[in-house]
C-alpha atoms as a PDB file:
ATOM      1  CA  MET A   1     108.160  94.366 106.438  1.00  0.00           C
ATOM      2  CA  ILE A   2     105.509  94.676 103.537  1.00  0.00           C
ATOM      3  CA  GLN A   3     106.640  98.503 103.091  1.00  0.00           C
ATOM      4  CA  ALA A   4     110.572  97.282 103.235  1.00  0.00           C
ATOM      5  CA  PHE A   5     109.775  94.639 100.744  1.00  0.00           C
ATOM      6  CA  ALA A   6     107.987  96.868  98.195  1.00  0.00           C
ATOM      7  CA  ASN A   7     111.135  99.488  98.616  1.00  0.00           C
ATOM      8  CA  THR A   8     113.708  97.191  97.606  1.00  0.00           C
ATOM      9  CA  LEU A   9     113.210  98.659  94.339  1.00  0.00           C
ATOM     10  CA  GLY A  10     114.635 102.422  94.135  1.00  0.00           C
ATOM     11  CA  GLY A  11     113.348 105.259  91.821  1.00  0.00           C
ATOM     12  CA  SER A  12     116.614 105.761  90.191  1.00  0.00           C
ATOM     13  CA  PRO A  13     118.310 102.774  87.727  1.00  0.00           C
ATOM     14  CA  GLY A  14     120.517 100.497  89.457  1.00  0.00           C
ATOM     15  CA  ALA A  15     118.603 100.639  92.990  1.00  0.00           C
ATOM     16  CA  ASP A  16     117.242  97.323  92.821  1.00  0.00           C
ATOM     17  CA  GLN A  17     118.211  95.552  96.006  1.00  0.00           C
ATOM     18  CA  LEU A  18     116.912  92.177  94.845  1.00  0.00           C
ATOM     19  CA  GLY A  19     118.400  92.744  91.341  1.00  0.00           C
ATOM     20  CA  THR A  20     120.505  89.467  91.330  1.00  0.00           C
ATOM     21  CA  ARG A  21     119.750  86.142  93.198  1.00  0.00           C
ATOM     22  CA  GLU A  22     122.609  86.620  95.519  1.00  0.00           C
ATOM     23  CA  GLU A  23     121.553  90.620  96.287  1.00  0.00           C
ATOM     24  CA  ALA A  24     118.153  89.138  96.885  1.00  0.00           C
ATOM     25  CA  ALA A  25     119.144  86.308  99.200  1.00  0.00           C
ATOM     26  CA  ALA A  26     121.263  88.904 101.246  1.00  0.00           C
ATOM     27  CA  TRP A  27     118.251  91.170 101.601  1.00  0.00           C
ATOM     28  CA  LEU A  28     115.807  88.378 102.477  1.00  0.00           C
ATOM     29  CA  ARG A  29     118.414  87.137 105.052  1.00  0.00           C
ATOM     30  CA  GLY A  30     118.841  90.755 106.408  1.00  0.00           C
ATOM     31  CA  ALA A  31     115.040  90.856 106.795  1.00  0.00           C
ATOM     32  CA  GLY A  32     114.956  87.621 108.703  1.00  0.00           C
ATOM     33  CA  LEU A  33     112.951  85.729 105.676  1.00  0.00           C
ATOM     34  CA  LEU A  34     115.870  83.460 104.671  1.00  0.00           C
ATOM     35  CA  PRO A  35     117.883  81.217 106.755  1.00  0.00           C
ATOM     36  CA  ALA A  36     121.536  81.890 106.702  1.00  0.00           C
ATOM     37  CA  GLU A  37     122.022  78.728 104.939  1.00  0.00           C
ATOM     38  CA  ALA A  38     119.489  78.952 102.151  1.00  0.00           C
ATOM     39  CA  GLY A  39     119.624  80.740  98.497  1.00  0.00           C
ATOM     40  CA  LEU A  40     117.104  81.236  95.847  1.00  0.00           C
ATOM     41  CA  SER A  41     117.023  79.176  92.641  1.00  0.00           C
ATOM     42  CA  ASN A  42     116.679  81.185  89.199  1.00  0.00           C
ATOM     43  CA  SER A  43     112.711  80.066  89.165  1.00  0.00           C
ATOM     44  CA  GLU A  44     112.398  81.366  92.983  1.00  0.00           C
ATOM     45  CA  HIS A  45     114.411  84.763  91.983  1.00  0.00           C
ATOM     46  CA  ALA A  46     111.998  85.655  89.113  1.00  0.00           C
ATOM     47  CA  ALA A  47     108.882  84.651  91.296  1.00  0.00           C
ATOM     48  CA  LEU A  48     110.091  86.880  94.117  1.00  0.00           C
ATOM     49  CA  LEU A  49     110.451  89.565  91.599  1.00  0.00           C
ATOM     50  CA  ARG A  50     106.934  89.043  90.309  1.00  0.00           C
ATOM     51  CA  LEU A  51     105.591  88.892  94.180  1.00  0.00           C
ATOM     52  CA  ARG A  52     107.220  92.315  94.326  1.00  0.00           C
ATOM     53  CA  GLU A  53     106.053  93.784  90.801  1.00  0.00           C
ATOM     54  CA  SER A  54     102.296  92.741  91.719  1.00  0.00           C
ATOM     55  CA  MET A  55     102.537  94.063  95.306  1.00  0.00           C
ATOM     56  CA  ARG A  56     103.804  97.640  94.292  1.00  0.00           C
ATOM     57  CA  ASP A  57     101.178  97.470  91.422  1.00  0.00           C
ATOM     58  CA  VAL A  58      98.454  97.084  93.796  1.00  0.00           C
ATOM     59  CA  LEU A  59      99.788  99.741  96.233  1.00  0.00           C
ATOM     60  CA  ALA A  60      99.672 102.078  92.890  1.00  0.00           C
ATOM     61  CA  ALA A  61      95.994 101.161  93.035  1.00  0.00           C
ATOM     62  CA  HIS A  62      95.733 102.048  96.493  1.00  0.00           C
ATOM     63  CA  THR A  63      97.317 105.436  95.807  1.00  0.00           C
ATOM     64  CA  ALA A  64      95.164 106.247  92.688  1.00  0.00           C
ATOM     65  CA  GLY A  65      92.060 104.993  94.737  1.00  0.00           C
ATOM     66  CA  ARG A  66      91.038 102.327  91.847  1.00  0.00           C
ATOM     67  CA  GLU A  67      90.559  98.734  91.903  1.00  0.00           C
ATOM     68  CA  ASP A  68      93.193  96.713  89.660  1.00  0.00           C
ATOM     69  CA  ALA A  69      91.932  93.313  89.614  1.00  0.00           C
ATOM     70  CA  ASP A  70      94.809  92.265  87.289  1.00  0.00           C
ATOM     71  CA  ALA A  71      97.289  93.320  89.915  1.00  0.00           C
ATOM     72  CA  ALA A  72      95.314  91.888  92.679  1.00  0.00           C
ATOM     73  CA  SER A  73      94.988  88.503  90.874  1.00  0.00           C
ATOM     74  CA  ARG A  74      98.908  88.568  90.180  1.00  0.00           C
ATOM     75  CA  LEU A  75      99.529  89.129  93.783  1.00  0.00           C
ATOM     76  CA  THR A  76      97.079  86.608  94.914  1.00  0.00           C
ATOM     77  CA  ARG A  77      98.768  83.982  92.406  1.00  0.00           C
ATOM     78  CA  ALA A  78     102.503  84.929  94.025  1.00  0.00           C
ATOM     79  CA  LEU A  79     101.003  84.818  97.394  1.00  0.00           C
ATOM     80  CA  ALA A  80     100.079  81.123  96.638  1.00  0.00           C
ATOM     81  CA  ASP A  81     103.498  79.936  96.421  1.00  0.00           C
ATOM     82  CA  GLY A  82     103.197  80.596 100.442  1.00  0.00           C
ATOM     83  CA  ARG A  83     101.116  77.344 100.615  1.00  0.00           C
ATOM     84  CA  LEU A  84      99.100  78.771 103.556  1.00  0.00           C
ATOM     85  CA  VAL A  85      97.641  76.528 106.300  1.00  0.00           C
ATOM     86  CA  LEU A  86      95.485  77.422 109.291  1.00  0.00           C
ATOM     87  CA  THR A  87      97.365  75.745 112.530  1.00  0.00           C
ATOM     88  CA  VAL A  88      95.830  75.240 115.940  1.00  0.00           C
ATOM     89  CA  ASP A  89      98.264  74.345 118.718  1.00  0.00           C
ATOM     90  CA  ALA A  90      97.547  72.680 122.004  1.00  0.00           C
ATOM     91  CA  ALA A  91      96.247  75.618 123.914  1.00  0.00           C
ATOM     92  CA  SER A  92      93.841  76.610 120.747  1.00  0.00           C
ATOM     93  CA  ALA A  93      96.292  79.226 119.516  1.00  0.00           C
ATOM     94  CA  VAL A  94      95.324  79.583 115.755  1.00  0.00           C
ATOM     95  CA  ARG A  95      97.635  80.971 113.250  1.00  0.00           C
ATOM     96  CA  LEU A  96      98.776  81.009 109.546  1.00  0.00           C
ATOM     97  CA  ALA A  97     101.569  78.806 108.431  1.00  0.00           C
ATOM     98  CA  SER A  98     103.202  77.772 105.728  1.00  0.00           C
ATOM     99  CA  ALA A  99     102.517  73.977 104.588  1.00  0.00           C
ATOM    100  CA  ALA A 100     105.712  73.954 102.847  1.00  0.00           C
ATOM    101  CA  ARG A 101     109.167  72.491 103.886  1.00  0.00           C
ATOM    102  CA  SER A 102     111.566  74.720 101.881  1.00  0.00           C
ATOM    103  CA  SER A 103     112.817  78.207 102.314  1.00  0.00           C
ATOM    104  CA  TYR A 104     110.928  80.138  99.594  1.00  0.00           C
ATOM    105  CA  PRO A 105     107.567  79.228 100.202  1.00  0.00           C
ATOM    106  CA  ASN A 106     108.008  80.019 103.723  1.00  0.00           C
ATOM    107  CA  LEU A 107     108.932  83.594 103.066  1.00  0.00           C
ATOM    108  CA  VAL A 108     106.324  83.783 100.643  1.00  0.00           C
ATOM    109  CA  ALA A 109     103.953  82.867 103.855  1.00  0.00           C
ATOM    110  CA  ASP A 110     105.371  85.385 106.267  1.00  0.00           C
ATOM    111  CA  ILE A 111     104.642  88.078 103.532  1.00  0.00           C
ATOM    112  CA  ALA A 112     101.451  86.725 102.969  1.00  0.00           C
ATOM    113  CA  VAL A 113     100.716  86.454 106.854  1.00  0.00           C
ATOM    114  CA  ALA A 114     102.217  90.549 107.128  1.00  0.00           C
ATOM    115  CA  ILE A 115      99.567  91.527 104.381  1.00  0.00           C
ATOM    116  CA  ALA A 116      96.549  89.680 106.046  1.00  0.00           C
ATOM    117  CA  GLY A 117      97.314  91.203 109.565  1.00  0.00           C
ATOM    118  CA  SER A 118      97.837  94.808 107.768  1.00  0.00           C
ATOM    119  CA  ALA A 119      94.328  93.935 106.250  1.00  0.00           C
ATOM    120  CA  ALA A 120      92.756  92.821 109.617  1.00  0.00           C
ATOM    121  CA  SER A 121      93.948  96.082 111.015  1.00  0.00           C
ATOM    122  CA  GLY A 122      93.098  98.268 108.426  1.00  0.00           C
ATOM    123  CA  GLY A 123      96.392  99.427 107.398  1.00  0.00           C
ATOM    124  CA  TRP A 124      96.777  97.452 103.950  1.00  0.00           C
ATOM    125  CA  PRO A 125      94.325 100.336 101.881  1.00  0.00           C
ATOM    126  CA  ARG A 126      96.522 103.227 103.510  1.00  0.00           C
ATOM    127  CA  LEU A 127      99.817 101.389 102.318  1.00  0.00           C
ATOM    128  CA  LYS A 128     100.441 102.990  98.826  1.00  0.00           C
ATOM    129  CA  ALA A 129     103.294 104.085  96.191  1.00  0.00           C
ATOM    130  CA  CYS A 130     104.641 107.475  95.891  1.00  0.00           C
ATOM    131  CA  SER A 131     103.101 109.203  92.798  1.00  0.00           C
ATOM    132  CA  ALA A 132     105.680 111.458  92.328  1.00  0.00           C
ATOM    133  CA  PRO A 133     107.855 111.022  89.046  1.00  0.00           C
ATOM    134  CA  GLN A 134     110.660 108.624  89.270  1.00  0.00           C
ATOM    135  CA  CYS A 135     109.830 107.839  93.084  1.00  0.00           C
ATOM    136  CA  GLY A 136     107.204 105.039  93.335  1.00  0.00           C
ATOM    137  CA  GLN A 137     108.398 104.077  97.090  1.00  0.00           C
ATOM    138  CA  ALA A 138     105.755 102.703  99.332  1.00  0.00           C
ATOM    139  CA  PHE A 139     104.686 104.825 102.208  1.00  0.00           C
ATOM    140  CA  CYS A 140     101.941 104.404 105.031  1.00  0.00           C
ATOM    141  CA  ASP A 141      98.936 107.102 104.263  1.00  0.00           C
ATOM    142  CA  GLU A 142      98.866 108.543 107.704  1.00  0.00           C
ATOM    143  CA  SER A 143      96.458 111.502 106.756  1.00  0.00           C
ATOM    144  CA  GLU A 144      93.325 111.877 108.049  1.00  0.00           C
ATOM    145  CA  SER A 145      91.159 111.663 104.775  1.00  0.00           C
ATOM    146  CA  ALA A 146      93.490 108.611 103.774  1.00  0.00           C
ATOM    147  CA  ALA A 147      93.917 110.563 100.113  1.00  0.00           C
ATOM    148  CA  GLY A 148      97.745 111.014 100.292  1.00  0.00           C
ATOM    149  CA  ARG A 149      99.541 110.342  97.143  1.00  0.00           C
ATOM    150  CA  HIS A 150     103.293 111.048  98.075  1.00  0.00           C
ATOM    151  CA  CYS A 151     105.886 109.525 100.280  1.00  0.00           C
ATOM    152  CA  PRO A 152     106.918 112.025 102.781  1.00  0.00           C
ATOM    153  CA  ALA A 153     110.058 112.946 100.664  1.00  0.00           C
ATOM    154  CA  HIS A 154     107.523 114.356  98.095  1.00  0.00           C
ATOM    155  CA  ALA A 155     104.467 115.529 100.178  1.00  0.00           C
ATOM    156  CA  GLY A 156     104.844 118.914  98.978  1.00  0.00           C
ATOM    157  CA  SER A 157     104.428 117.700  95.689  1.00  0.00           C
ATOM    158  CA  SER A 158     101.246 118.049  93.605  1.00  0.00           C
END
Protein backbone atom coordinates (compact mmCIF):
# COMPACT_ATOMS: atom_id res chain seq x y z
CA MET A 1 0.00 0.00 0.00
CA ILE A 2 2.83 2.42 0.79
CA GLN A 3 4.43 1.89 -2.60
CA ALA A 4 1.11 2.24 -4.44
CA PHE A 5 0.32 5.47 -2.57
CA ALA A 6 3.75 6.95 -3.33
CA ASN A 7 3.34 5.95 -6.98
CA THR A 8 0.12 7.93 -7.45
CA LEU A 9 2.36 10.60 -8.92
CA GLY A 10 3.90 9.49 -12.21
CA GLY A 11 7.01 10.76 -13.91
CA SER A 12 5.14 12.35 -16.80
CA PRO A 13 3.07 15.54 -16.59
CA GLY A 14 -0.60 14.92 -15.93
CA ALA A 15 0.08 11.55 -14.33
CA ASP A 16 -1.17 12.56 -10.86
CA GLN A 17 -3.85 10.14 -9.68
CA LEU A 18 -4.54 12.41 -6.69
CA GLY A 19 -4.56 15.63 -8.72
CA THR A 20 -8.09 16.69 -7.83
CA ARG A 21 -10.22 15.96 -4.80
CA GLU A 22 -12.45 13.72 -6.91
CA GLU A 23 -9.51 11.80 -8.41
CA ALA A 24 -7.95 11.42 -4.97
CA ALA A 25 -11.20 10.16 -3.43
CA ALA A 26 -11.66 7.67 -6.27
CA TRP A 27 -8.11 6.34 -5.87
CA LEU A 28 -8.48 6.11 -2.09
CA ARG A 29 -11.79 4.24 -2.44
CA GLY A 30 -10.19 1.82 -4.90
CA ALA A 31 -7.34 1.22 -2.45
CA GLY A 32 -9.83 0.53 0.34
CA LEU A 33 -8.70 3.58 2.31
CA LEU A 34 -11.87 5.66 2.02
CA PRO A 35 -15.48 4.54 2.48
CA ALA A 36 -17.70 4.71 -0.60
CA GLU A 37 -19.79 7.56 0.80
CA ALA A 38 -16.84 9.67 1.96
CA GLY A 39 -15.06 12.45 0.14
CA LEU A 40 -12.23 14.87 0.86
CA SER A 41 -12.41 18.50 1.83
CA ASN A 42 -10.02 20.98 0.21
CA SER A 43 -7.84 21.00 3.33
CA GLU A 44 -7.80 17.18 3.51
CA HIS A 45 -6.84 16.99 -0.16
CA ALA A 46 -3.97 19.44 0.42
CA ALA A 47 -2.86 17.44 3.48
CA LEU A 48 -2.98 14.21 1.45
CA LEU A 49 -0.70 15.71 -1.20
CA ARG A 50 1.71 16.90 1.52
CA LEU A 51 1.70 13.39 2.99
CA ARG A 52 2.55 11.85 -0.36
CA GLU A 53 5.26 14.42 -1.11
CA SER A 54 6.92 14.02 2.27
CA MET A 55 6.81 10.23 1.88
CA ARG A 56 8.39 10.46 -1.58
CA ASP A 57 11.11 12.74 -0.17
CA VAL A 58 11.91 10.18 2.55
CA LEU A 59 12.05 7.41 -0.08
CA ALA A 60 14.44 9.54 -2.16
CA ALA A 61 16.65 9.89 0.92
CA HIS A 62 16.58 6.08 1.29
CA THR A 63 17.76 5.80 -2.32
CA ALA A 64 20.59 8.27 -1.80
CA GLY A 65 21.65 6.54 1.41
CA ARG A 66 21.38 9.77 3.37
CA GLU A 67 19.36 11.12 6.23
CA ASP A 68 16.89 13.92 5.53
CA ALA A 69 15.70 15.36 8.83
CA ASP A 70 13.42 17.87 7.11
CA ALA A 71 11.62 15.22 5.05
CA ALA A 72 11.35 12.92 8.06
CA SER A 73 9.91 15.74 10.15
CA ARG A 74 7.38 16.64 7.44
CA LEU A 75 6.32 12.99 7.14
CA THR A 76 5.97 12.73 10.91
CA ARG A 77 3.74 15.84 10.98
CA ALA A 78 1.63 14.54 8.08
CA LEU A 79 1.16 11.17 9.76
CA ALA A 80 0.09 12.86 13.01
CA ASP A 81 -3.29 13.49 11.33
CA GLY A 82 -3.95 9.78 11.86
CA ARG A 83 -4.25 10.31 15.61
CA LEU A 84 -2.95 6.84 16.41
CA VAL A 85 -3.65 5.12 19.70
CA LEU A 86 -2.79 1.68 20.98
CA THR A 87 -5.83 -0.51 21.54
CA VAL A 88 -6.09 -3.72 23.54
CA ASP A 89 -9.05 -6.06 23.07
CA ALA A 90 -10.56 -8.57 25.50
CA ALA A 91 -8.16 -11.29 24.31
CA SER A 92 -5.23 -8.88 24.98
CA ALA A 93 -4.50 -8.46 21.27
CA VAL A 94 -2.73 -5.13 20.78
CA ARG A 95 -2.96 -3.01 17.64
CA LEU A 96 -2.62 0.56 16.44
CA ALA A 97 -5.83 2.35 15.44
CA SER A 98 -7.03 5.86 14.81
CA ALA A 99 -8.72 7.70 17.67
CA ALA A 100 -10.59 9.81 15.11
CA ARG A 101 -14.13 9.19 13.93
CA SER A 102 -13.82 10.79 10.48
CA SER A 103 -12.57 9.23 7.26
CA TYR A 104 -9.42 11.26 6.56
CA PRO A 105 -7.63 10.59 9.87
CA ASN A 106 -8.52 6.92 9.52
CA LEU A 107 -6.89 6.64 6.10
CA VAL A 108 -3.79 8.45 7.38
CA ALA A 109 -3.72 6.01 10.31
CA ASP A 110 -3.89 3.09 7.86
CA ILE A 111 -0.87 4.48 6.00
CA ALA A 112 0.99 5.09 9.27
CA VAL A 113 0.30 1.54 10.45
CA ALA A 114 1.55 0.20 7.10
CA ILE A 115 4.77 2.22 7.46
CA ALA A 116 5.21 0.97 11.04
CA GLY A 117 4.70 -2.61 9.89
CA SER A 118 7.20 -2.13 7.08
CA ALA A 119 9.72 -0.68 9.53
CA ALA A 120 9.17 -3.53 11.98
CA SER A 121 9.81 -6.10 9.24
CA GLY A 122 12.93 -4.28 8.01
CA GLY A 123 11.37 -3.33 4.68
CA TRP A 124 11.01 0.44 5.20
CA PRO A 125 14.67 1.33 4.42
CA ARG A 126 14.46 -0.80 1.26
CA LEU A 127 11.50 1.19 -0.04
CA LYS A 128 13.08 3.77 -2.31
CA ALA A 129 12.38 6.25 -5.10
CA CYS A 130 13.89 5.55 -8.53
CA SER A 131 16.71 7.97 -9.26
CA ALA A 132 16.31 7.72 -13.06
CA PRO A 133 15.52 11.12 -14.62
CA GLN A 134 11.77 11.81 -14.86
CA CYS A 135 10.88 8.65 -12.92
CA GLY A 136 10.84 8.83 -9.12
CA GLN A 137 8.63 5.74 -8.84
CA ALA A 138 8.74 3.95 -5.51
CA PHE A 139 10.19 0.47 -5.56
CA CYS A 140 11.34 -2.16 -3.11
CA ASP A 141 15.09 -2.68 -3.34
CA GLU A 142 15.43 -6.46 -3.31
CA SER A 143 19.17 -6.43 -4.00
CA GLU A 144 21.38 -8.25 -1.51
CA SER A 145 23.40 -5.09 -0.83
CA ALA A 146 20.29 -2.86 -0.57
CA ALA A 147 22.19 -0.37 -2.73
CA GLY A 148 19.71 -0.28 -5.64
CA ARG A 149 18.88 3.13 -7.04
CA HIS A 150 16.46 2.31 -9.86
CA CYS A 151 13.04 0.75 -10.22
CA PRO A 152 12.78 -2.45 -12.31
CA ALA A 153 11.96 -0.41 -15.44
CA HIS A 154 15.28 1.46 -15.13
CA ALA A 155 17.41 -1.24 -13.49
CA GLY A 156 19.94 -1.11 -16.34
CA SER A 157 20.45 2.66 -15.91
CA SER A 158 23.62 3.92 -14.36
